[in-house]
N, C-alpha and C. Protein backbone atom coordinates (compact mmCIF):
# COMPACT_ATOMS: atom_id res chain seq x y z
N MET A 1 0.85 -1.18 0.00
CA MET A 1 0.00 0.00 0.00
C MET A 1 0.89 1.23 0.00
N SER A 2 0.58 2.20 -0.84
CA SER A 2 1.32 3.46 -0.91
C SER A 2 0.68 4.46 0.04
N ARG A 3 1.52 5.38 0.50
CA ARG A 3 1.03 6.38 1.47
C ARG A 3 1.66 7.73 1.15
N ILE A 4 0.81 8.75 1.09
CA ILE A 4 1.24 10.13 0.88
C ILE A 4 0.71 10.94 2.05
N VAL A 5 1.58 11.69 2.71
CA VAL A 5 1.17 12.54 3.82
C VAL A 5 1.61 13.97 3.51
N LEU A 6 0.66 14.89 3.54
CA LEU A 6 0.93 16.30 3.29
C LEU A 6 0.34 17.14 4.41
N THR A 7 0.93 18.31 4.63
CA THR A 7 0.36 19.24 5.60
C THR A 7 0.15 20.59 4.93
N GLN A 8 -0.80 21.33 5.48
CA GLN A 8 -1.12 22.66 4.95
C GLN A 8 -1.52 23.55 6.12
N MET A 9 -0.90 24.71 6.23
CA MET A 9 -1.30 25.68 7.24
C MET A 9 -2.33 26.62 6.61
N VAL A 10 -3.42 26.85 7.32
CA VAL A 10 -4.50 27.71 6.82
C VAL A 10 -4.71 28.83 7.83
N ALA A 11 -4.74 30.05 7.34
CA ALA A 11 -4.92 31.22 8.21
C ALA A 11 -6.41 31.45 8.47
N ALA A 12 -7.03 30.43 9.06
CA ALA A 12 -8.45 30.49 9.43
C ALA A 12 -8.68 29.43 10.48
N PRO A 13 -9.66 29.62 11.36
CA PRO A 13 -9.95 28.60 12.37
C PRO A 13 -10.50 27.32 11.73
N SER A 14 -10.35 26.21 12.42
CA SER A 14 -10.77 24.91 11.89
C SER A 14 -12.26 24.88 11.54
N GLU A 15 -13.07 25.63 12.26
CA GLU A 15 -14.51 25.68 11.94
C GLU A 15 -14.74 26.27 10.54
N ASP A 16 -13.92 27.26 10.16
CA ASP A 16 -14.04 27.86 8.83
C ASP A 16 -13.52 26.93 7.72
N VAL A 17 -12.58 26.10 8.05
CA VAL A 17 -12.06 25.12 7.09
C VAL A 17 -13.07 23.99 6.92
N PHE A 18 -13.62 23.53 8.01
CA PHE A 18 -14.49 22.34 7.98
C PHE A 18 -15.81 22.57 7.26
N VAL A 19 -16.21 23.82 7.06
CA VAL A 19 -17.46 24.07 6.33
C VAL A 19 -17.37 23.59 4.88
N PHE A 20 -16.17 23.31 4.40
CA PHE A 20 -16.00 22.81 3.04
C PHE A 20 -16.04 21.29 2.97
N PHE A 21 -16.26 20.63 4.10
CA PHE A 21 -16.38 19.17 4.14
C PHE A 21 -17.85 18.77 4.22
N VAL A 22 -18.61 19.25 3.26
CA VAL A 22 -20.02 18.88 3.08
C VAL A 22 -20.20 18.55 1.61
N PRO A 23 -21.15 17.68 1.29
CA PRO A 23 -21.29 17.22 -0.10
C PRO A 23 -21.42 18.34 -1.13
N GLN A 24 -22.15 19.38 -0.82
CA GLN A 24 -22.39 20.44 -1.80
C GLN A 24 -21.20 21.36 -1.99
N ARG A 25 -20.19 21.33 -1.10
CA ARG A 25 -19.03 22.22 -1.25
C ARG A 25 -17.75 21.49 -1.62
N MET A 26 -17.66 20.20 -1.39
CA MET A 26 -16.40 19.50 -1.66
C MET A 26 -15.99 19.56 -3.13
N ALA A 27 -16.93 19.55 -4.02
CA ALA A 27 -16.59 19.59 -5.45
C ALA A 27 -15.88 20.89 -5.84
N HIS A 28 -16.01 21.96 -5.04
CA HIS A 28 -15.37 23.23 -5.35
C HIS A 28 -13.86 23.17 -5.14
N TRP A 29 -13.39 22.34 -4.23
CA TRP A 29 -11.95 22.28 -3.98
C TRP A 29 -11.38 20.88 -4.22
N TYR A 30 -12.19 19.87 -4.15
CA TYR A 30 -11.73 18.50 -4.30
C TYR A 30 -11.97 18.05 -5.74
N GLY A 31 -11.07 18.40 -6.61
CA GLY A 31 -11.14 17.97 -7.99
C GLY A 31 -12.05 18.75 -8.91
N PRO A 32 -12.06 20.09 -8.86
CA PRO A 32 -12.95 20.82 -9.76
C PRO A 32 -12.58 20.65 -11.23
N GLU A 33 -11.31 20.30 -11.50
CA GLU A 33 -10.91 20.08 -12.89
C GLU A 33 -11.61 18.86 -13.50
N MET A 34 -12.18 18.03 -12.66
CA MET A 34 -12.89 16.84 -13.14
C MET A 34 -14.38 17.10 -13.33
N ARG A 35 -14.82 18.32 -13.02
CA ARG A 35 -16.26 18.63 -13.08
C ARG A 35 -17.02 17.51 -12.36
N SER A 36 -16.62 17.26 -11.15
CA SER A 36 -17.16 16.13 -10.40
C SER A 36 -18.47 16.47 -9.72
N SER A 37 -19.21 15.41 -9.42
CA SER A 37 -20.44 15.55 -8.65
C SER A 37 -20.42 14.52 -7.53
N PHE A 38 -21.07 14.86 -6.45
CA PHE A 38 -21.14 14.01 -5.27
C PHE A 38 -22.60 13.61 -5.04
N THR A 39 -22.86 12.32 -5.02
CA THR A 39 -24.19 11.81 -4.70
C THR A 39 -24.05 11.03 -3.40
N THR A 40 -24.90 11.31 -2.43
CA THR A 40 -24.75 10.70 -1.12
C THR A 40 -25.94 9.83 -0.75
N GLN A 41 -25.66 8.86 0.13
CA GLN A 41 -26.69 8.04 0.77
C GLN A 41 -26.37 8.00 2.25
N GLY A 42 -27.39 8.07 3.07
CA GLY A 42 -27.18 7.95 4.51
C GLY A 42 -26.81 9.24 5.18
N CYS A 43 -26.99 10.36 4.49
CA CYS A 43 -26.74 11.65 5.14
C CYS A 43 -27.60 12.69 4.45
N GLY A 44 -27.79 13.78 5.10
CA GLY A 44 -28.54 14.88 4.52
C GLY A 44 -27.58 15.88 3.92
N SER A 45 -27.55 17.06 4.49
CA SER A 45 -26.68 18.11 3.98
C SER A 45 -25.25 18.00 4.52
N GLU A 46 -25.03 17.11 5.49
CA GLU A 46 -23.69 16.91 6.05
C GLU A 46 -23.34 15.43 6.03
N PHE A 47 -22.05 15.15 5.92
CA PHE A 47 -21.59 13.77 6.02
C PHE A 47 -21.73 13.28 7.46
N ARG A 48 -21.70 11.99 7.62
CA ARG A 48 -21.58 11.36 8.94
C ARG A 48 -20.97 9.98 8.71
N ALA A 49 -20.40 9.41 9.74
CA ALA A 49 -19.80 8.07 9.63
C ALA A 49 -20.85 7.11 9.10
N GLY A 50 -20.47 6.33 8.10
CA GLY A 50 -21.38 5.39 7.48
C GLY A 50 -22.03 5.89 6.20
N SER A 51 -21.91 7.19 5.92
CA SER A 51 -22.48 7.75 4.68
C SER A 51 -21.75 7.16 3.48
N LYS A 52 -22.50 6.85 2.42
CA LYS A 52 -21.91 6.41 1.16
C LYS A 52 -21.92 7.59 0.20
N VAL A 53 -20.82 7.72 -0.54
CA VAL A 53 -20.68 8.82 -1.47
C VAL A 53 -20.24 8.26 -2.82
N CYS A 54 -20.96 8.60 -3.86
CA CYS A 54 -20.54 8.26 -5.22
C CYS A 54 -19.99 9.54 -5.83
N ILE A 55 -18.72 9.51 -6.18
CA ILE A 55 -18.06 10.65 -6.79
C ILE A 55 -17.87 10.31 -8.26
N SER A 56 -18.43 11.13 -9.12
CA SER A 56 -18.29 10.87 -10.55
C SER A 56 -17.90 12.15 -11.25
N GLY A 57 -17.29 11.99 -12.40
CA GLY A 57 -16.86 13.15 -13.15
C GLY A 57 -16.22 12.75 -14.46
N GLU A 58 -15.56 13.73 -15.07
CA GLU A 58 -14.90 13.50 -16.34
C GLU A 58 -13.52 14.12 -16.27
N LEU A 59 -12.52 13.39 -16.72
CA LEU A 59 -11.15 13.88 -16.74
C LEU A 59 -10.52 13.39 -18.02
N ALA A 60 -9.97 14.30 -18.80
CA ALA A 60 -9.35 13.97 -20.09
C ALA A 60 -10.32 13.17 -20.97
N LYS A 61 -11.55 13.62 -21.02
CA LYS A 61 -12.62 13.01 -21.84
C LYS A 61 -12.93 11.57 -21.44
N ARG A 62 -12.58 11.19 -20.23
CA ARG A 62 -12.91 9.86 -19.72
C ARG A 62 -13.84 10.03 -18.52
N ILE A 63 -14.90 9.26 -18.51
CA ILE A 63 -15.85 9.26 -17.40
C ILE A 63 -15.29 8.32 -16.32
N PHE A 64 -15.38 8.75 -15.09
CA PHE A 64 -14.94 7.90 -13.99
C PHE A 64 -15.94 8.02 -12.85
N SER A 65 -15.90 7.06 -11.96
CA SER A 65 -16.66 7.15 -10.72
C SER A 65 -16.07 6.18 -9.72
N HIS A 66 -16.22 6.53 -8.48
CA HIS A 66 -15.86 5.60 -7.42
C HIS A 66 -16.75 5.84 -6.21
N ILE A 67 -16.82 4.82 -5.41
CA ILE A 67 -17.66 4.85 -4.21
C ILE A 67 -16.75 5.03 -3.00
N ALA A 68 -17.16 5.91 -2.12
CA ALA A 68 -16.45 6.12 -0.86
C ALA A 68 -17.45 5.95 0.29
N VAL A 69 -16.95 5.44 1.39
CA VAL A 69 -17.75 5.31 2.60
C VAL A 69 -17.06 6.12 3.70
N VAL A 70 -17.78 7.05 4.29
CA VAL A 70 -17.23 7.88 5.35
C VAL A 70 -17.02 6.99 6.58
N THR A 71 -15.77 6.92 7.03
CA THR A 71 -15.43 6.05 8.16
C THR A 71 -15.16 6.82 9.44
N ALA A 72 -14.91 8.13 9.34
CA ALA A 72 -14.71 8.96 10.53
C ALA A 72 -15.14 10.38 10.21
N PHE A 73 -15.90 10.96 11.12
CA PHE A 73 -16.38 12.33 10.95
C PHE A 73 -16.53 12.94 12.32
N GLU A 74 -15.62 13.85 12.65
CA GLU A 74 -15.68 14.56 13.93
C GLU A 74 -15.52 16.05 13.64
N LYS A 75 -16.62 16.73 13.66
CA LYS A 75 -16.65 18.14 13.34
C LYS A 75 -15.99 18.93 14.47
N PRO A 76 -15.12 19.84 14.24
CA PRO A 76 -14.49 20.33 13.03
C PRO A 76 -13.04 19.85 12.91
N ARG A 77 -12.76 18.59 13.24
CA ARG A 77 -11.35 18.19 13.25
C ARG A 77 -10.98 16.97 12.43
N LEU A 78 -11.94 16.17 11.98
CA LEU A 78 -11.56 14.93 11.30
C LEU A 78 -12.59 14.52 10.25
N PHE A 79 -12.08 14.15 9.08
CA PHE A 79 -12.92 13.58 8.02
C PHE A 79 -12.10 12.49 7.35
N GLU A 80 -12.70 11.31 7.21
CA GLU A 80 -12.01 10.18 6.57
C GLU A 80 -13.00 9.36 5.77
N TRP A 81 -12.54 8.89 4.60
CA TRP A 81 -13.36 7.95 3.85
C TRP A 81 -12.49 6.90 3.20
N ARG A 82 -13.08 5.75 2.99
CA ARG A 82 -12.44 4.64 2.26
C ARG A 82 -13.11 4.57 0.90
N PHE A 83 -12.32 4.25 -0.11
CA PHE A 83 -12.86 4.27 -1.47
C PHE A 83 -12.39 3.06 -2.27
N GLU A 84 -13.12 2.79 -3.33
CA GLU A 84 -12.73 1.78 -4.32
C GLU A 84 -13.35 2.18 -5.64
N ASP A 85 -12.57 2.01 -6.73
CA ASP A 85 -13.10 2.36 -8.05
C ASP A 85 -13.28 1.12 -8.91
N ALA A 86 -13.76 1.33 -10.11
CA ALA A 86 -14.06 0.22 -11.03
C ALA A 86 -12.81 -0.53 -11.47
N TYR A 87 -11.64 0.07 -11.32
CA TYR A 87 -10.39 -0.58 -11.73
C TYR A 87 -9.73 -1.35 -10.58
N GLY A 88 -10.36 -1.34 -9.42
CA GLY A 88 -9.82 -2.06 -8.28
C GLY A 88 -8.88 -1.25 -7.41
N VAL A 89 -8.71 0.03 -7.73
CA VAL A 89 -7.89 0.90 -6.88
C VAL A 89 -8.69 1.17 -5.62
N ARG A 90 -8.08 0.95 -4.48
CA ARG A 90 -8.79 1.18 -3.22
C ARG A 90 -7.87 1.84 -2.23
N GLY A 91 -8.46 2.47 -1.25
CA GLY A 91 -7.64 3.14 -0.26
C GLY A 91 -8.45 3.96 0.71
N CYS A 92 -7.76 4.91 1.33
CA CYS A 92 -8.34 5.75 2.37
C CYS A 92 -7.76 7.15 2.26
N GLU A 93 -8.60 8.15 2.44
CA GLU A 93 -8.16 9.53 2.53
C GLU A 93 -8.62 10.08 3.87
N ARG A 94 -7.70 10.77 4.56
CA ARG A 94 -8.00 11.26 5.92
C ARG A 94 -7.49 12.70 6.04
N TRP A 95 -8.37 13.58 6.49
CA TRP A 95 -8.02 14.97 6.75
C TRP A 95 -8.16 15.20 8.25
N GLU A 96 -7.07 15.59 8.90
CA GLU A 96 -7.09 15.92 10.32
C GLU A 96 -6.79 17.41 10.45
N MET A 97 -7.63 18.12 11.20
CA MET A 97 -7.47 19.54 11.37
C MET A 97 -7.17 19.87 12.84
N GLU A 98 -6.08 20.58 13.04
CA GLU A 98 -5.67 20.97 14.38
C GLU A 98 -5.71 22.49 14.48
N ARG A 99 -6.50 22.97 15.41
CA ARG A 99 -6.62 24.43 15.61
C ARG A 99 -5.41 24.92 16.40
N LEU A 100 -4.79 25.97 15.91
CA LEU A 100 -3.64 26.59 16.56
C LEU A 100 -3.94 28.06 16.81
N GLU A 101 -3.52 28.55 17.93
CA GLU A 101 -3.70 29.96 18.27
C GLU A 101 -2.34 30.63 18.32
N ASN A 102 -2.25 31.81 17.74
CA ASN A 102 -1.03 32.60 17.87
C ASN A 102 -1.42 34.07 17.92
N SER A 103 -0.45 34.95 17.89
CA SER A 103 -0.73 36.38 18.03
C SER A 103 -1.57 36.94 16.89
N SER A 104 -1.53 36.30 15.72
CA SER A 104 -2.32 36.80 14.59
C SER A 104 -3.71 36.16 14.51
N GLY A 105 -4.05 35.33 15.48
CA GLY A 105 -5.38 34.72 15.51
C GLY A 105 -5.33 33.22 15.32
N ALA A 106 -6.49 32.66 15.08
CA ALA A 106 -6.61 31.21 14.93
C ALA A 106 -6.13 30.76 13.56
N GLN A 107 -5.42 29.66 13.56
CA GLN A 107 -4.98 29.01 12.32
C GLN A 107 -5.32 27.54 12.42
N THR A 108 -5.26 26.86 11.28
CA THR A 108 -5.53 25.43 11.25
C THR A 108 -4.41 24.72 10.51
N LEU A 109 -3.91 23.68 11.14
CA LEU A 109 -2.94 22.80 10.49
C LEU A 109 -3.72 21.60 9.97
N ILE A 110 -3.71 21.40 8.65
CA ILE A 110 -4.37 20.25 8.05
C ILE A 110 -3.31 19.19 7.75
N ARG A 111 -3.56 17.99 8.22
CA ARG A 111 -2.70 16.85 7.89
C ARG A 111 -3.54 15.92 7.03
N PHE A 112 -3.11 15.77 5.79
CA PHE A 112 -3.84 14.93 4.83
C PHE A 112 -3.04 13.66 4.56
N THR A 113 -3.69 12.52 4.77
CA THR A 113 -3.06 11.23 4.51
C THR A 113 -3.86 10.51 3.44
N ASN A 114 -3.16 10.07 2.40
CA ASN A 114 -3.76 9.35 1.29
C ASN A 114 -3.06 7.99 1.20
N GLU A 115 -3.79 6.93 1.50
CA GLU A 115 -3.28 5.58 1.37
C GLU A 115 -4.06 4.89 0.27
N TYR A 116 -3.37 4.20 -0.61
CA TYR A 116 -4.06 3.57 -1.73
C TYR A 116 -3.26 2.36 -2.21
N GLU A 117 -3.97 1.50 -2.92
CA GLU A 117 -3.34 0.31 -3.47
C GLU A 117 -3.86 0.12 -4.89
N ILE A 118 -2.94 -0.02 -5.82
CA ILE A 118 -3.28 -0.29 -7.21
C ILE A 118 -3.02 -1.77 -7.44
N PRO A 119 -4.02 -2.50 -7.94
CA PRO A 119 -3.86 -3.95 -8.08
C PRO A 119 -2.88 -4.35 -9.19
N GLY A 120 -2.28 -5.51 -9.02
CA GLY A 120 -1.43 -6.10 -10.05
C GLY A 120 0.01 -5.62 -10.02
N ARG A 121 0.88 -6.41 -10.60
CA ARG A 121 2.31 -6.09 -10.68
C ARG A 121 2.53 -4.82 -11.51
N PHE A 122 1.84 -4.74 -12.66
CA PHE A 122 1.98 -3.56 -13.51
C PHE A 122 1.51 -2.31 -12.77
N GLY A 123 0.43 -2.43 -12.00
CA GLY A 123 -0.07 -1.31 -11.22
C GLY A 123 0.94 -0.81 -10.21
N ARG A 124 1.64 -1.73 -9.55
CA ARG A 124 2.66 -1.34 -8.57
C ARG A 124 3.84 -0.63 -9.25
N VAL A 125 4.23 -1.11 -10.43
CA VAL A 125 5.31 -0.46 -11.17
C VAL A 125 4.88 0.93 -11.62
N LEU A 126 3.67 1.02 -12.17
CA LEU A 126 3.13 2.31 -12.61
C LEU A 126 3.05 3.28 -11.44
N ASP A 127 2.64 2.80 -10.28
CA ASP A 127 2.57 3.64 -9.09
C ASP A 127 3.95 4.17 -8.74
N TRP A 128 4.95 3.30 -8.73
CA TRP A 128 6.31 3.70 -8.36
C TRP A 128 6.86 4.72 -9.34
N LEU A 129 6.56 4.55 -10.64
CA LEU A 129 7.10 5.44 -11.65
C LEU A 129 6.34 6.76 -11.78
N LEU A 130 5.02 6.69 -11.76
CA LEU A 130 4.22 7.87 -12.09
C LEU A 130 3.16 8.27 -11.07
N THR A 131 2.33 7.33 -10.69
CA THR A 131 1.11 7.65 -9.95
C THR A 131 1.37 8.39 -8.65
N ARG A 132 2.31 7.92 -7.85
CA ARG A 132 2.54 8.55 -6.55
C ARG A 132 2.97 10.01 -6.69
N HIS A 133 3.74 10.33 -7.73
CA HIS A 133 4.16 11.71 -7.95
C HIS A 133 2.99 12.58 -8.40
N ALA A 134 2.19 12.03 -9.31
CA ALA A 134 1.02 12.78 -9.80
C ALA A 134 0.00 12.99 -8.68
N LEU A 135 -0.22 11.97 -7.86
CA LEU A 135 -1.16 12.10 -6.74
C LEU A 135 -0.67 13.12 -5.71
N ALA A 136 0.61 13.11 -5.41
CA ALA A 136 1.14 14.08 -4.46
C ALA A 136 0.93 15.50 -4.98
N ARG A 137 1.19 15.72 -6.26
CA ARG A 137 0.99 17.05 -6.86
C ARG A 137 -0.50 17.43 -6.85
N ARG A 138 -1.37 16.48 -7.24
CA ARG A 138 -2.81 16.75 -7.23
C ARG A 138 -3.31 17.04 -5.82
N ASN A 139 -2.88 16.26 -4.84
CA ASN A 139 -3.31 16.46 -3.46
C ASN A 139 -2.83 17.80 -2.91
N ARG A 140 -1.63 18.20 -3.29
CA ARG A 140 -1.11 19.52 -2.87
C ARG A 140 -2.00 20.62 -3.45
N ASP A 141 -2.40 20.47 -4.72
CA ASP A 141 -3.31 21.45 -5.34
C ASP A 141 -4.64 21.51 -4.60
N TYR A 142 -5.18 20.35 -4.21
CA TYR A 142 -6.44 20.32 -3.46
C TYR A 142 -6.31 21.09 -2.14
N LEU A 143 -5.22 20.84 -1.41
CA LEU A 143 -5.04 21.51 -0.13
C LEU A 143 -4.85 23.02 -0.32
N ASP A 144 -4.11 23.41 -1.35
CA ASP A 144 -3.94 24.84 -1.63
C ASP A 144 -5.28 25.50 -1.95
N ARG A 145 -6.10 24.83 -2.74
CA ARG A 145 -7.41 25.36 -3.12
C ARG A 145 -8.31 25.46 -1.89
N LEU A 146 -8.29 24.45 -1.02
CA LEU A 146 -9.07 24.48 0.20
C LEU A 146 -8.64 25.65 1.08
N ALA A 147 -7.33 25.86 1.21
CA ALA A 147 -6.82 26.98 2.02
C ALA A 147 -7.28 28.32 1.46
N ARG A 148 -7.20 28.48 0.14
CA ARG A 148 -7.66 29.74 -0.47
C ARG A 148 -9.13 30.00 -0.18
N LEU A 149 -9.96 28.96 -0.29
CA LEU A 149 -11.38 29.13 -0.02
C LEU A 149 -11.64 29.47 1.45
N ALA A 150 -10.99 28.75 2.36
CA ALA A 150 -11.21 28.98 3.79
C ALA A 150 -10.70 30.36 4.22
N GLU A 151 -9.62 30.82 3.59
CA GLU A 151 -9.07 32.12 3.91
C GLU A 151 -9.76 33.25 3.14
N ARG A 152 -10.67 32.87 2.25
CA ARG A 152 -11.43 33.82 1.41
C ARG A 152 -10.49 34.64 0.52
N ARG A 153 -9.49 33.93 -0.06
CA ARG A 153 -8.57 34.57 -1.00
C ARG A 153 -9.02 34.26 -2.42
N PRO A 154 -8.74 35.14 -3.39
CA PRO A 154 -9.10 34.86 -4.78
C PRO A 154 -8.25 33.74 -5.38
């Protein structure tokens, strides 16, 4: 299993960051280049542990979708889901938010962990050569976009 861990400091309190962890707002920062949509089961306007989420979209003229199940949800500090797609790629994404106070006000440290497994020998080689680098770059972009939104920057 591959693992990517990234951190992001956000100049906003964790409550302001966590408002983007709802089905109707996640598509704005979590993969907008895919024109993705989130369909949920087992929750209303907010996620909760046990909620099922179907994330679908289009990337490079290819339609994709995968199912995620929310496995941890503690407002405003933790969001985690496990996922699997049609190609057998499965894993877990976890966002942990730690509120920090300093002289300039409240800030949030986000720790994002992405664990995934690509099936087959070829998949492991492809991951080692390409996928892990592309995912790290994509995940960094997601965190930067989330920070801009929470900080209300253009």
